[in-house]
Structures are given as structure tokens and as C-alpha cells.
Amino acid sequence: MKVTPEHNEKIAKMTFSSVYPHYVTKVEKKGRTVEELHQVINWLTSYKEEQIQKHIQQKTTFKDFFEQANINPKAHLITGMICGYRIEEIEYPLTRQVRYLDKLVDELAKGKTMERILRTDN
């Protein structure tokens, strides 16, 4: 599945605060915690709890959210399919970073260990 420029633009304009409640619902429904979700977000972006809350309150777009982040150097190890796209084949960096986050949330909800999710065994 090819990512279109229109799709990339839609992702860039989407706010982190509009997606965040879905992340929370997804992980809590599977018995995981908001603290674990924040640990995953921190690993990918280096955002601390206060920064995550600030982005939610300010309705930061994904474009700004990821531009201000320090992406983990191991993020390239996040591979596989998410939302019908193979992550490692997504060329547009912002869309790939958003899909990294989606994939990490998915792995958390599926019950993977934090060591596997945070790629500490690689």
C-alpha cells in the first residue's frame, strides 16, 4: 500500500490529543496502564510526563509533536505492518514516526513485554 501526499498531510495536521485517548482506551482494555503507555511514548520521543500532558493540552499537531521530539536511535528497529502499511517501507519520515508510535501502542496492547517493546534485547 502506497502512502499518498494527501495521507501524509492529513497525518501532519492531526493532533496528538485527538489520538491519545484512543491509545489509552486500547491499552487499558487489554489490562495495560497509562504509565506503561507513557513509558513507550517516552522511549520513542524522550518526552517526560509533563511534556506529554503539555502536548495534549496545547493540541499539538503530529508534525510539531515529532519535530520537537528526540526520536530514539533504535526506532528503526520497529518494523512490521500497521494500519495496512509496512512501516519500514514508509518514505515520509513524519508518517513513519506516527506509525512507529501506533506500532508500539499495538505491541503494548497485545501483551508484549516492555523489554521487547522498547527493543532492549536488540
PDB file of N, CA and C in Angstrom:
ATOM      1  N   MET A   1       0.843  -1.170   0.000  1.00  0.00           N
ATOM      2  CA  MET A   1       0.000   0.000   0.000  1.00  0.00           C
ATOM      3  C   MET A   1       0.898   1.246   0.000  1.00  0.00           C
ATOM      4  N   LYS A   2       0.676   2.130  -0.938  1.00  0.00           N
ATOM      5  CA  LYS A   2       1.497   3.337  -1.070  1.00  0.00           C
ATOM      6  C   LYS A   2       0.871   4.485  -0.282  1.00  0.00           C
ATOM      7  N   VAL A   3       1.721   5.193   0.451  1.00  0.00           N
ATOM      8  CA  VAL A   3       1.269   6.358   1.203  1.00  0.00           C
ATOM      9  C   VAL A   3       1.246   7.555   0.261  1.00  0.00           C
ATOM     10  N   THR A   4       0.112   8.236   0.175  1.00  0.00           N
ATOM     11  CA  THR A   4      -0.035   9.379  -0.723  1.00  0.00           C
ATOM     12  C   THR A   4       0.353  10.683  -0.024  1.00  0.00           C
ATOM     13  N   PRO A   5       0.688  11.716  -0.797  1.00  0.00           N
ATOM     14  CA  PRO A   5       0.971  13.026  -0.192  1.00  0.00           C
ATOM     15  C   PRO A   5      -0.220  13.546   0.614  1.00  0.00           C
ATOM     16  N   GLU A   6      -1.425  13.270   0.157  1.00  0.00           N
ATOM     17  CA  GLU A   6      -2.630  13.704   0.883  1.00  0.00           C
ATOM     18  C   GLU A   6      -2.709  13.013   2.250  1.00  0.00           C
ATOM     19  N   HIS A   7      -2.380  11.738   2.260  1.00  0.00           N
ATOM     20  CA  HIS A   7      -2.373  10.982   3.513  1.00  0.00           C
ATOM     21  C   HIS A   7      -1.333  11.565   4.473  1.00  0.00           C
ATOM     22  N   ASN A   8      -0.144  11.860   3.954  1.00  0.00           N
ATOM     23  CA  ASN A   8       0.917  12.444   4.769  1.00  0.00           C
ATOM     24  C   ASN A   8       0.480  13.783   5.361  1.00  0.00           C
ATOM     25  N   GLU A   9      -0.190  14.609   4.560  1.00  0.00           N
ATOM     26  CA  GLU A   9      -0.666  15.915   5.015  1.00  0.00           C
ATOM     27  C   GLU A   9      -1.725  15.757   6.108  1.00  0.00           C
ATOM     28  N   LYS A  10      -2.613  14.789   5.933  1.00  0.00           N
ATOM     29  CA  LYS A  10      -3.652  14.528   6.923  1.00  0.00           C
ATOM     30  C   LYS A  10      -3.027  14.120   8.259  1.00  0.00           C
ATOM     31  N   ILE A  11      -2.028  13.266   8.209  1.00  0.00           N
ATOM     32  CA  ILE A  11      -1.317  12.823   9.418  1.00  0.00           C
ATOM     33  C   ILE A  11      -0.641  14.021  10.095  1.00  0.00           C
ATOM     34  N   ALA A  12       0.016  14.870   9.305  1.00  0.00           N
ATOM     35  CA  ALA A  12       0.743  16.024   9.847  1.00  0.00           C
ATOM     36  C   ALA A  12      -0.178  16.969  10.601  1.00  0.00           C
ATOM     37  N   LYS A  13      -1.407  17.145  10.114  1.00  0.00           N
ATOM     38  CA  LYS A  13      -2.351  18.090  10.715  1.00  0.00           C
ATOM     39  C   LYS A  13      -3.130  17.502  11.890  1.00  0.00           C
ATOM     40  N   MET A  14      -3.121  16.186  12.017  1.00  0.00           N
ATOM     41  CA  MET A  14      -3.841  15.526  13.107  1.00  0.00           C
ATOM     42  C   MET A  14      -3.183  15.892  14.438  1.00  0.00           C
ATOM     43  N   THR A  15      -3.993  16.089  15.467  1.00  0.00           N
ATOM     44  CA  THR A  15      -3.413  16.445  16.758  1.00  0.00           C
ATOM     45  C   THR A  15      -3.149  15.199  17.603  1.00  0.00           C
ATOM     46  N   PHE A  16      -2.079  15.283  18.372  1.00  0.00           N
ATOM     47  CA  PHE A  16      -1.744  14.200  19.286  1.00  0.00           C
ATOM     48  C   PHE A  16      -2.886  13.985  20.277  1.00  0.00           C
ATOM     49  N   SER A  17      -3.501  15.094  20.724  1.00  0.00           N
ATOM     50  CA  SER A  17      -4.577  14.991  21.720  1.00  0.00           C
ATOM     51  C   SER A  17      -5.817  14.286  21.171  1.00  0.00           C
ATOM     52  N   SER A  18      -6.005  14.296  19.856  1.00  0.00           N
ATOM     53  CA  SER A  18      -7.172  13.612  19.283  1.00  0.00           C
ATOM     54  C   SER A  18      -6.978  12.100  19.224  1.00  0.00           C
ATOM     55  N   VAL A  19      -5.732  11.649  19.208  1.00  0.00           N
ATOM     56  CA  VAL A  19      -5.431  10.221  19.109  1.00  0.00           C
ATOM     57  C   VAL A  19      -5.117   9.614  20.479  1.00  0.00           C
ATOM     58  N   TYR A  20      -4.556  10.419  21.351  1.00  0.00           N
ATOM     59  CA  TYR A  20      -4.128   9.942  22.667  1.00  0.00           C
ATOM     60  C   TYR A  20      -5.218   9.166  23.429  1.00  0.00           C
ATOM     61  N   PRO A  21      -6.466   9.665  23.503  1.00  0.00           N
ATOM     62  CA  PRO A  21      -7.493   8.892  24.232  1.00  0.00           C
ATOM     63  C   PRO A  21      -7.716   7.496  23.647  1.00  0.00           C
ATOM     64  N   HIS A  22      -7.531   7.354  22.346  1.00  0.00           N
ATOM     65  CA  HIS A  22      -7.671   6.038  21.708  1.00  0.00           C
ATOM     66  C   HIS A  22      -6.538   5.109  22.141  1.00  0.00           C
ATOM     67  N   TYR A  23      -5.337   5.668  22.267  1.00  0.00           N
ATOM     68  CA  TYR A  23      -4.210   4.880  22.777  1.00  0.00           C
ATOM     69  C   TYR A  23      -4.518   4.389  24.191  1.00  0.00           C
ATOM     70  N   VAL A  24      -4.997   5.294  25.040  1.00  0.00           N
ATOM     71  CA  VAL A  24      -5.310   4.942  26.433  1.00  0.00           C
ATOM     72  C   VAL A  24      -6.364   3.844  26.470  1.00  0.00           C
ATOM     73  N   THR A  25      -7.445   4.025  25.729  1.00  0.00           N
ATOM     74  CA  THR A  25      -8.520   3.028  25.700  1.00  0.00           C
ATOM     75  C   THR A  25      -7.997   1.676  25.240  1.00  0.00           C
ATOM     76  N   LYS A  26      -7.197   1.689  24.194  1.00  0.00           N
ATOM     77  CA  LYS A  26      -6.675   0.443  23.624  1.00  0.00           C
ATOM     78  C   LYS A  26      -5.828  -0.317  24.641  1.00  0.00           C
ATOM     79  N   VAL A  27      -4.912   0.366  25.312  1.00  0.00           N
ATOM     80  CA  VAL A  27      -4.036  -0.347  26.241  1.00  0.00           C
ATOM     81  C   VAL A  27      -4.761  -0.748  27.524  1.00  0.00           C
ATOM     82  N   GLU A  28      -5.647   0.118  28.032  1.00  0.00           N
ATOM     83  CA  GLU A  28      -6.367  -0.218  29.266  1.00  0.00           C
ATOM     84  C   GLU A  28      -7.338  -1.373  29.046  1.00  0.00           C
ATOM     85  N   LYS A  29      -7.937  -1.426  27.868  1.00  0.00           N
ATOM     86  CA  LYS A  29      -8.863  -2.517  27.553  1.00  0.00           C
ATOM     87  C   LYS A  29      -8.149  -3.872  27.614  1.00  0.00           C
ATOM     88  N   LYS A  30      -6.843  -3.857  27.361  1.00  0.00           N
ATOM     89  CA  LYS A  30      -6.062  -5.090  27.373  1.00  0.00           C
ATOM     90  C   LYS A  30      -5.274  -5.290  28.674  1.00  0.00           C
ATOM     91  N   GLY A  31      -5.619  -4.491  29.701  1.00  0.00           N
ATOM     92  CA  GLY A  31      -5.008  -4.688  31.003  1.00  0.00           C
ATOM     93  C   GLY A  31      -3.672  -3.997  31.207  1.00  0.00           C
ATOM     94  N   ARG A  32      -3.298  -3.119  30.313  1.00  0.00           N
ATOM     95  CA  ARG A  32      -2.055  -2.358  30.485  1.00  0.00           C
ATOM     96  C   ARG A  32      -2.402  -0.999  31.087  1.00  0.00           C
ATOM     97  N   THR A  33      -1.386  -0.246  31.499  1.00  0.00           N
ATOM     98  CA  THR A  33      -1.625   1.002  32.218  1.00  0.00           C
ATOM     99  C   THR A  33      -1.209   2.238  31.414  1.00  0.00           C
ATOM    100  N   VAL A  34      -1.731   3.385  31.837  1.00  0.00           N
ATOM    101  CA  VAL A  34      -1.332   4.662  31.240  1.00  0.00           C
ATOM    102  C   VAL A  34       0.158   4.894  31.494  1.00  0.00           C
ATOM    103  N   GLU A  35       0.649   4.474  32.652  1.00  0.00           N
ATOM    104  CA  GLU A  35       2.078   4.613  32.964  1.00  0.00           C
ATOM    105  C   GLU A  35       2.923   3.856  31.944  1.00  0.00           C
ATOM    106  N   GLU A  36       2.485   2.651  31.575  1.00  0.00           N
ATOM    107  CA  GLU A  36       3.215   1.885  30.560  1.00  0.00           C
ATOM    108  C   GLU A  36       3.135   2.583  29.203  1.00  0.00           C
ATOM    109  N   LEU A  37       1.971   3.127  28.880  1.00  0.00           N
ATOM    110  CA  LEU A  37       1.822   3.887  27.638  1.00  0.00           C
ATOM    111  C   LEU A  37       2.793   5.058  27.620  1.00  0.00           C
ATOM    112  N   HIS A  38       2.880   5.782  28.716  1.00  0.00           N
ATOM    113  CA  HIS A  38       3.789   6.927  28.789  1.00  0.00           C
ATOM    114  C   HIS A  38       5.248   6.489  28.708  1.00  0.00           C
ATOM    115  N   GLN A  39       5.551   5.324  29.250  1.00  0.00           N
ATOM    116  CA  GLN A  39       6.910   4.783  29.142  1.00  0.00           C
ATOM    117  C   GLN A  39       7.263   4.537  27.677  1.00  0.00           C
ATOM    118  N   VAL A  40       6.313   4.014  26.917  1.00  0.00           N
ATOM    119  CA  VAL A  40       6.509   3.746  25.488  1.00  0.00           C
ATOM    120  C   VAL A  40       6.678   5.070  24.722  1.00  0.00           C
ATOM    121  N   ILE A  41       5.829   6.050  25.031  1.00  0.00           N
ATOM    122  CA  ILE A  41       5.928   7.359  24.368  1.00  0.00           C
ATOM    123  C   ILE A  41       7.269   8.001  24.705  1.00  0.00           C
ATOM    124  N   ASN A  42       7.678   7.891  25.963  1.00  0.00           N
ATOM    125  CA  ASN A  42       8.966   8.442  26.395  1.00  0.00           C
ATOM    126  C   ASN A  42      10.119   7.781  25.659  1.00  0.00           C
ATOM    127  N   TRP A  43      10.066   6.464  25.527  1.00  0.00           N
ATOM    128  CA  TRP A  43      11.143   5.744  24.836  1.00  0.00           C
ATOM    129  C   TRP A  43      11.288   6.248  23.398  1.00  0.00           C
ATOM    130  N   LEU A  44      10.179   6.416  22.705  1.00  0.00           N
ATOM    131  CA  LEU A  44      10.222   6.838  21.295  1.00  0.00           C
ATOM    132  C   LEU A  44      10.607   8.305  21.148  1.00  0.00           C
ATOM    133  N   THR A  45      10.066   9.176  22.004  1.00  0.00           N
ATOM    134  CA  THR A  45      10.175  10.628  21.776  1.00  0.00           C
ATOM    135  C   THR A  45      11.063  11.363  22.777  1.00  0.00           C
ATOM    136  N   SER A  46      11.381  10.748  23.886  1.00  0.00           N
ATOM    137  CA  SER A  46      12.087  11.314  25.042  1.00  0.00           C
ATOM    138  C   SER A  46      11.219  12.287  25.842  1.00  0.00           C
ATOM    139  N   TYR A  47       9.915  12.356  25.562  1.00  0.00           N
ATOM    140  CA  TYR A  47       9.024  13.229  26.325  1.00  0.00           C
ATOM    141  C   TYR A  47       8.752  12.653  27.703  1.00  0.00           C
ATOM    142  N   LYS A  48       8.876  13.506  28.703  1.00  0.00           N
ATOM    143  CA  LYS A  48       8.528  13.154  30.071  1.00  0.00           C
ATOM    144  C   LYS A  48       7.025  13.381  30.263  1.00  0.00           C
ATOM    145  N   GLU A  49       6.509  12.923  31.403  1.00  0.00           N
ATOM    146  CA  GLU A  49       5.079  13.017  31.714  1.00  0.00           C
ATOM    147  C   GLU A  49       4.529  14.433  31.496  1.00  0.00           C
ATOM    148  N   GLU A  50       5.230  15.439  32.036  1.00  0.00           N
ATOM    149  CA  GLU A  50       4.739  16.819  31.924  1.00  0.00           C
ATOM    150  C   GLU A  50       4.665  17.266  30.471  1.00  0.00           C
ATOM    151  N   GLN A  51       5.641  16.850  29.677  1.00  0.00           N
ATOM    152  CA  GLN A  51       5.663  17.235  28.256  1.00  0.00           C
ATOM    153  C   GLN A  51       4.522  16.566  27.488  1.00  0.00           C
ATOM    154  N   ILE A  52       4.241  15.326  27.819  1.00  0.00           N
ATOM    155  CA  ILE A  52       3.122  14.619  27.176  1.00  0.00           C
ATOM    156  C   ILE A  52       1.825  15.372  27.479  1.00  0.00           C
ATOM    157  N   GLN A  53       1.632  15.719  28.750  1.00  0.00           N
ATOM    158  CA  GLN A  53       0.415  16.452  29.143  1.00  0.00           C
ATOM    159  C   GLN A  53       0.337  17.813  28.458  1.00  0.00           C
ATOM    160  N   LYS A  54       1.461  18.485  28.323  1.00  0.00           N
ATOM    161  CA  LYS A  54       1.501  19.795  27.660  1.00  0.00           C
ATOM    162  C   LYS A  54       1.067  19.674  26.193  1.00  0.00           C
ATOM    163  N   HIS A  55       1.555  18.643  25.511  1.00  0.00           N
ATOM    164  CA  HIS A  55       1.174  18.424  24.103  1.00  0.00           C
ATOM    165  C   HIS A  55      -0.320  18.128  23.983  1.00  0.00           C
ATOM    166  N   ILE A  56      -0.855  17.415  24.956  1.00  0.00           N
ATOM    167  CA  ILE A  56      -2.294  17.123  24.952  1.00  0.00           C
ATOM    168  C   ILE A  56      -3.076  18.425  25.147  1.00  0.00           C
ATOM    169  N   GLN A  57      -2.702  19.206  26.136  1.00  0.00           N
ATOM    170  CA  GLN A  57      -3.402  20.460  26.435  1.00  0.00           C
ATOM    171  C   GLN A  57      -3.296  21.477  25.299  1.00  0.00           C
ATOM    172  N   GLN A  58      -2.148  21.538  24.660  1.00  0.00           N
ATOM    173  CA  GLN A  58      -1.930  22.524  23.597  1.00  0.00           C
ATOM    174  C   GLN A  58      -2.454  22.058  22.236  1.00  0.00           C
ATOM    175  N   LYS A  59      -2.972  20.830  22.194  1.00  0.00           N
ATOM    176  CA  LYS A  59      -3.481  20.260  20.945  1.00  0.00           C
ATOM    177  C   LYS A  59      -2.423  20.328  19.831  1.00  0.00           C
ATOM    178  N   THR A  60      -1.241  19.879  20.180  1.00  0.00           N
ATOM    179  CA  THR A  60      -0.106  19.871  19.265  1.00  0.00           C
ATOM    180  C   THR A  60      -0.375  18.940  18.087  1.00  0.00           C
ATOM    181  N   THR A  61      -0.061  19.405  16.875  1.00  0.00           N
ATOM    182  CA  THR A  61      -0.190  18.536  15.705  1.00  0.00           C
ATOM    183  C   THR A  61       0.901  17.472  15.763  1.00  0.00           C
ATOM    184  N   PHE A  62       0.683  16.374  15.051  1.00  0.00           N
ATOM    185  CA  PHE A  62       1.724  15.344  14.981  1.00  0.00           C
ATOM    186  C   PHE A  62       2.994  15.918  14.369  1.00  0.00           C
ATOM    187  N   LYS A  63       2.845  16.832  13.420  1.00  0.00           N
ATOM    188  CA  LYS A  63       4.022  17.459  12.800  1.00  0.00           C
ATOM    189  C   LYS A  63       4.879  18.118  13.867  1.00  0.00           C
ATOM    190  N   ASP A  64       4.275  18.960  14.694  1.00  0.00           N
ATOM    191  CA  ASP A  64       5.020  19.648  15.753  1.00  0.00           C
ATOM    192  C   ASP A  64       5.460  18.684  16.854  1.00  0.00           C
ATOM    193  N   PHE A  65       4.610  17.728  17.179  1.00  0.00           N
ATOM    194  CA  PHE A  65       4.922  16.743  18.211  1.00  0.00           C
ATOM    195  C   PHE A  65       6.226  16.023  17.884  1.00  0.00           C
ATOM    196  N   PHE A  66       6.360  15.557  16.655  1.00  0.00           N
ATOM    197  CA  PHE A  66       7.559  14.803  16.283  1.00  0.00           C
ATOM    198  C   PHE A  66       8.738  15.704  15.923  1.00  0.00           C
ATOM    199  N   GLU A  67       8.481  16.923  15.450  1.00  0.00           N
ATOM    200  CA  GLU A  67       9.589  17.854  15.191  1.00  0.00           C
ATOM    201  C   GLU A  67      10.303  18.227  16.479  1.00  0.00           C
ATOM    202  N   GLN A  68       9.568  18.303  17.576  1.00  0.00           N
ATOM    203  CA  GLN A  68      10.140  18.692  18.860  1.00  0.00           C
ATOM    204  C   GLN A  68      10.711  17.494  19.626  1.00  0.00           C
ATOM    205  N   ALA A  69      10.471  16.302  19.156  1.00  0.00           N
ATOM    206  CA  ALA A  69      10.904  15.086  19.860  1.00  0.00           C
ATOM    207  C   ALA A  69      12.351  14.735  19.521  1.00  0.00           C
ATOM    208  N   ASN A  70      12.959  13.990  20.423  1.00  0.00           N
ATOM    209  CA  ASN A  70      14.259  13.369  20.164  1.00  0.00           C
ATOM    210  C   ASN A  70      13.973  11.889  19.938  1.00  0.00           C
ATOM    211  N   ILE A  71      13.866  11.503  18.688  1.00  0.00           N
ATOM    212  CA  ILE A  71      13.492  10.125  18.350  1.00  0.00           C
ATOM    213  C   ILE A  71      14.604   9.166  18.776  1.00  0.00           C
ATOM    214  N   ASN A  72      14.181   8.088  19.420  1.00  0.00           N
ATOM    215  CA  ASN A  72      15.119   7.078  19.892  1.00  0.00           C
ATOM    216  C   ASN A  72      15.912   6.507  18.711  1.00  0.00           C
ATOM    217  N   PRO A  73      17.239   6.394  18.856  1.00  0.00           N
ATOM    218  CA  PRO A  73      18.054   5.855  17.765  1.00  0.00           C
ATOM    219  C   PRO A  73      17.712   4.410  17.390  1.00  0.00           C
ATOM    220  N   LYS A  74      17.023   3.706  18.282  1.00  0.00           N
ATOM    221  CA  LYS A  74      16.617   2.328  17.977  1.00  0.00           C
ATOM    222  C   LYS A  74      15.248   2.257  17.302  1.00  0.00           C
ATOM    223  N   ALA A  75      14.631   3.394  17.022  1.00  0.00           N
ATOM    224  CA  ALA A  75      13.288   3.398  16.429  1.00  0.00           C
ATOM    225  C   ALA A  75      13.246   2.643  15.103  1.00  0.00           C
ATOM    226  N   HIS A  76      14.343   2.640  14.377  1.00  0.00           N
ATOM    227  CA  HIS A  76      14.372   1.929  13.087  1.00  0.00           C
ATOM    228  C   HIS A  76      14.153   0.419  13.250  1.00  0.00           C
ATOM    229  N   LEU A  77      14.282  -0.069  14.468  1.00  0.00           N
ATOM    230  CA  LEU A  77      14.054  -1.496  14.727  1.00  0.00           C
ATOM    231  C   LEU A  77      12.563  -1.839  14.787  1.00  0.00           C
ATOM    232  N   ILE A  78      11.712  -0.815  14.780  1.00  0.00           N
ATOM    233  CA  ILE A  78      10.264  -1.035  14.781  1.00  0.00           C
ATOM    234  C   ILE A  78       9.853  -1.337  13.350  1.00  0.00           C
ATOM    235  N   THR A  79       9.433  -2.562  13.122  1.00  0.00           N
ATOM    236  CA  THR A  79       9.074  -2.995  11.772  1.00  0.00           C
ATOM    237  C   THR A  79       7.745  -3.731  11.807  1.00  0.00           C
ATOM    238  N   GLY A  80       7.243  -4.036  10.633  1.00  0.00           N
ATOM    239  CA  GLY A  80       6.017  -4.806  10.536  1.00  0.00           C
ATOM    240  C   GLY A  80       4.887  -3.985   9.949  1.00  0.00           C
ATOM    241  N   MET A  81       3.696  -4.554  10.024  1.00  0.00           N
ATOM    242  CA  MET A  81       2.514  -3.928   9.440  1.00  0.00           C
ATOM    243  C   MET A  81       1.718  -3.194  10.508  1.00  0.00           C
ATOM    244  N   ILE A  82       1.228  -2.018  10.127  1.00  0.00           N
ATOM    245  CA  ILE A  82       0.314  -1.262  10.978  1.00  0.00           C
ATOM    246  C   ILE A  82      -0.610  -0.471  10.062  1.00  0.00           C
ATOM    247  N   CYS A  83      -1.888  -0.580  10.307  1.00  0.00           N
ATOM    248  CA  CYS A  83      -2.901   0.137   9.512  1.00  0.00           C
ATOM    249  C   CYS A  83      -2.744  -0.134   8.010  1.00  0.00           C
ATOM    250  N   GLY A  84      -2.336  -1.341   7.670  1.00  0.00           N
ATOM    251  CA  GLY A  84      -2.201  -1.723   6.259  1.00  0.00           C
ATOM    252  C   GLY A  84      -0.908  -1.282   5.595  1.00  0.00           C
ATOM    253  N   TYR A  85       0.008  -0.703   6.364  1.00  0.00           N
ATOM    254  CA  TYR A  85       1.274  -0.220   5.813  1.00  0.00           C
ATOM    255  C   TYR A  85       2.432  -0.969   6.449  1.00  0.00           C
ATOM    256  N   ARG A  86       3.439  -1.299   5.650  1.00  0.00           N
ATOM    257  CA  ARG A  86       4.675  -1.867   6.176  1.00  0.00           C
ATOM    258  C   ARG A  86       5.537  -0.685   6.608  1.00  0.00           C
ATOM    259  N   ILE A  87       5.778  -0.579   7.901  1.00  0.00           N
ATOM    260  CA  ILE A  87       6.445   0.589   8.477  1.00  0.00           C
ATOM    261  C   ILE A  87       7.773   0.904   7.802  1.00  0.00           C
ATOM    262  N   GLU A  88       8.586  -0.105   7.609  1.00  0.00           N
ATOM    263  CA  GLU A  88       9.926   0.126   7.066  1.00  0.00           C
ATOM    264  C   GLU A  88       9.909   0.600   5.604  1.00  0.00           C
ATOM    265  N   GLU A  89       8.764   0.524   4.948  1.00  0.00           N
ATOM    266  CA  GLU A  89       8.652   0.992   3.560  1.00  0.00           C
ATOM    267  C   GLU A  89       8.066   2.401   3.447  1.00  0.00           C
ATOM    268  N   ILE A  90       7.646   2.989   4.564  1.00  0.00           N
ATOM    269  CA  ILE A  90       7.082   4.347   4.541  1.00  0.00           C
ATOM    270  C   ILE A  90       8.228   5.333   4.373  1.00  0.00           C
ATOM    271  N   GLU A  91       8.185   6.104   3.292  1.00  0.00           N
ATOM    272  CA  GLU A  91       9.286   7.021   2.983  1.00  0.00           C
ATOM    273  C   GLU A  91       9.205   8.336   3.745  1.00  0.00           C
ATOM    274  N   TYR A  92       8.017   8.888   3.925  1.00  0.00           N
ATOM    275  CA  TYR A  92       7.853  10.189   4.568  1.00  0.00           C
ATOM    276  C   TYR A  92       8.141  10.037   6.058  1.00  0.00           C
ATOM    277  N   PRO A  93       9.188  10.698   6.579  1.00  0.00           N
ATOM    278  CA  PRO A  93       9.611  10.482   7.973  1.00  0.00           C
ATOM    279  C   PRO A  93       8.507  10.706   9.012  1.00  0.00           C
ATOM    280  N   LEU A  94       7.705  11.744   8.869  1.00  0.00           N
ATOM    281  CA  LEU A  94       6.669  12.006   9.866  1.00  0.00           C
ATOM    282  C   LEU A  94       5.651  10.872   9.922  1.00  0.00           C
ATOM    283  N   THR A  95       5.183  10.435   8.773  1.00  0.00           N
ATOM    284  CA  THR A  95       4.209   9.340   8.741  1.00  0.00           C
ATOM    285  C   THR A  95       4.824   8.080   9.342  1.00  0.00           C
ATOM    286  N   ARG A  96       6.096   7.818   9.040  1.00  0.00           N
ATOM    287  CA  ARG A  96       6.776   6.651   9.597  1.00  0.00           C
ATOM    288  C   ARG A  96       6.855   6.770  11.127  1.00  0.00           C
ATOM    289  N   GLN A  97       7.151   7.964  11.657  1.00  0.00           N
ATOM    290  CA  GLN A  97       7.241   8.153  13.103  1.00  0.00           C
ATOM    291  C   GLN A  97       5.888   7.957  13.787  1.00  0.00           C
ATOM    292  N   VAL A  98       4.825   8.464  13.172  1.00  0.00           N
ATOM    293  CA  VAL A  98       3.489   8.254  13.729  1.00  0.00           C
ATOM    294  C   VAL A  98       3.170   6.763  13.744  1.00  0.00           C
ATOM    295  N   ARG A  99       3.515   6.064  12.685  1.00  0.00           N
ATOM    296  CA  ARG A  99       3.271   4.616  12.627  1.00  0.00           C
ATOM    297  C   ARG A  99       4.150   3.858  13.620  1.00  0.00           C
ATOM    298  N   TYR A 100       5.361   4.374  13.904  1.00  0.00           N
ATOM    299  CA  TYR A 100       6.177   3.782  14.969  1.00  0.00           C
ATOM    300  C   TYR A 100       5.383   3.804  16.278  1.00  0.00           C
ATOM    301  N   LEU A 101       4.819   4.961  16.589  1.00  0.00           N
ATOM    302  CA  LEU A 101       4.057   5.095  17.825  1.00  0.00           C
ATOM    303  C   LEU A 101       2.845   4.170  17.823  1.00  0.00           C
ATOM    304  N   ASP A 102       2.135   4.125  16.704  1.00  0.00           N
ATOM    305  CA  ASP A 102       0.979   3.222  16.588  1.00  0.00           C
ATOM    306  C   ASP A 102       1.395   1.778  16.845  1.00  0.00           C
ATOM    307  N   LYS A 103       2.528   1.382  16.278  1.00  0.00           N
ATOM    308  CA  LYS A 103       3.007   0.005  16.413  1.00  0.00           C
ATOM    309  C   LYS A 103       3.391  -0.302  17.868  1.00  0.00           C
ATOM    310  N   LEU A 104       4.040   0.645  18.529  1.00  0.00           N
ATOM    311  CA  LEU A 104       4.414   0.443  19.931  1.00  0.00           C
ATOM    312  C   LEU A 104       3.176   0.290  20.806  1.00  0.00           C
ATOM    313  N   VAL A 105       2.163   1.105  20.553  1.00  0.00           N
ATOM    314  CA  VAL A 105       0.907   1.011  21.306  1.00  0.00           C
ATOM    315  C   VAL A 105       0.246  -0.342  21.037  1.00  0.00           C
ATOM    316  N   ASP A 106       0.265  -0.777  19.797  1.00  0.00           N
ATOM    317  CA  ASP A 106      -0.266  -2.094  19.429  1.00  0.00           C
ATOM    318  C   ASP A 106       0.447  -3.209  20.196  1.00  0.00           C
ATOM    319  N   GLU A 107       1.773  -3.150  20.203  1.00  0.00           N
ATOM    320  CA  GLU A 107       2.548  -4.180  20.889  1.00  0.00           C
ATOM    321  C   GLU A 107       2.241  -4.192  22.389  1.00  0.00           C
ATOM    322  N   LEU A 108       2.084  -3.009  22.970  1.00  0.00           N
ATOM    323  CA  LEU A 108       1.725  -2.905  24.384  1.00  0.00           C
ATOM    324  C   LEU A 108       0.369  -3.562  24.629  1.00  0.00           C
ATOM    325  N   ALA A 109      -0.598  -3.245  23.789  1.00  0.00           N
ATOM    326  CA  ALA A 109      -1.948  -3.801  23.934  1.00  0.00           C
ATOM    327  C   ALA A 109      -1.970  -5.308  23.706  1.00  0.00           C
ATOM    328  N   LYS A 110      -1.059  -5.806  22.893  1.00  0.00           N
ATOM    329  CA  LYS A 110      -1.016  -7.248  22.612  1.00  0.00           C
ATOM    330  C   LYS A 110      -0.299  -8.033  23.704  1.00  0.00           C
ATOM    331  N   GLY A 111       0.196  -7.323  24.733  1.00  0.00           N
ATOM    332  CA  GLY A 111       0.793  -8.016  25.868  1.00  0.00           C
ATOM    333  C   GLY A 111       2.268  -8.319  25.753  1.00  0.00           C
ATOM    334  N   LYS A 112       2.941  -7.734  24.791  1.00  0.00           N
ATOM    335  CA  LYS A 112       4.388  -7.967  24.697  1.00  0.00           C
ATOM    336  C   LYS A 112       5.078  -7.388  25.918  1.00  0.00           C
ATOM    337  N   THR A 113       6.217  -7.946  26.257  1.00  0.00           N
ATOM    338  CA  THR A 113       6.976  -7.447  27.400  1.00  0.00           C
ATOM    339  C   THR A 113       7.570  -6.080  27.065  1.00  0.00           C
ATOM    340  N   MET A 114       7.790  -5.270  28.094  1.00  0.00           N
ATOM    341  CA  MET A 114       8.387  -3.952  27.870  1.00  0.00           C
ATOM    342  C   MET A 114       9.779  -4.086  27.257  1.00  0.00           C
ATOM    343  N   GLU A 115      10.521  -5.112  27.604  1.00  0.00           N
ATOM    344  CA  GLU A 115      11.851  -5.311  27.030  1.00  0.00           C
ATOM    345  C   GLU A 115      11.769  -5.459  25.510  1.00  0.00           C
ATOM    346  N   ARG A 116      10.790  -6.219  25.042  1.00  0.00           N
ATOM    347  CA  ARG A 116      10.618  -6.401  23.591  1.00  0.00           C
ATOM    348  C   ARG A 116      10.125  -5.125  22.925  1.00  0.00           C
ATOM    349  N   ILE A 117       9.149  -4.458  23.576  1.00  0.00           N
ATOM    350  CA  ILE A 117       8.575  -3.233  23.006  1.00  0.00           C
ATOM    351  C   ILE A 117       9.654  -2.154  22.891  1.00  0.00           C
ATOM    352  N   LEU A 118      10.479  -2.021  23.931  1.00  0.00           N
ATOM    353  CA  LEU A 118      11.496  -0.973  23.970  1.00  0.00           C
ATOM    354  C   LEU A 118      12.817  -1.393  23.327  1.00  0.00           C
ATOM    355  N   ARG A 119      12.774  -2.529  22.673  1.00  0.00           N
ATOM    356  CA  ARG A 119      13.914  -3.021  21.891  1.00  0.00           C
ATOM    357  C   ARG A 119      15.196  -3.081  22.726  1.00  0.00           C
ATOM    358  N   THR A 120      15.082  -3.474  24.002  1.00  0.00           N
ATOM    359  CA  THR A 120      16.276  -3.567  24.839  1.00  0.00           C
ATOM    360  C   THR A 120      17.002  -4.880  24.616  1.00  0.00           C
ATOM    361  N   ASP A 121      16.358  -5.820  23.920  1.00  0.00           N
ATOM    362  CA  ASP A 121      17.018  -7.091  23.640  1.00  0.00           C
ATOM    363  C   ASP A 121      17.725  -7.081  22.283  1.00  0.00           C
ATOM    364  N   ASN A 122      17.794  -5.920  21.626  1.00  0.00           N
ATOM    365  CA  ASN A 122      18.466  -5.825  20.306  1.00  0.00           C
ATOM    366  C   ASN A 122      19.781  -5.107  20.437  1.00  0.00           C
TER     367      ASN A 122
END
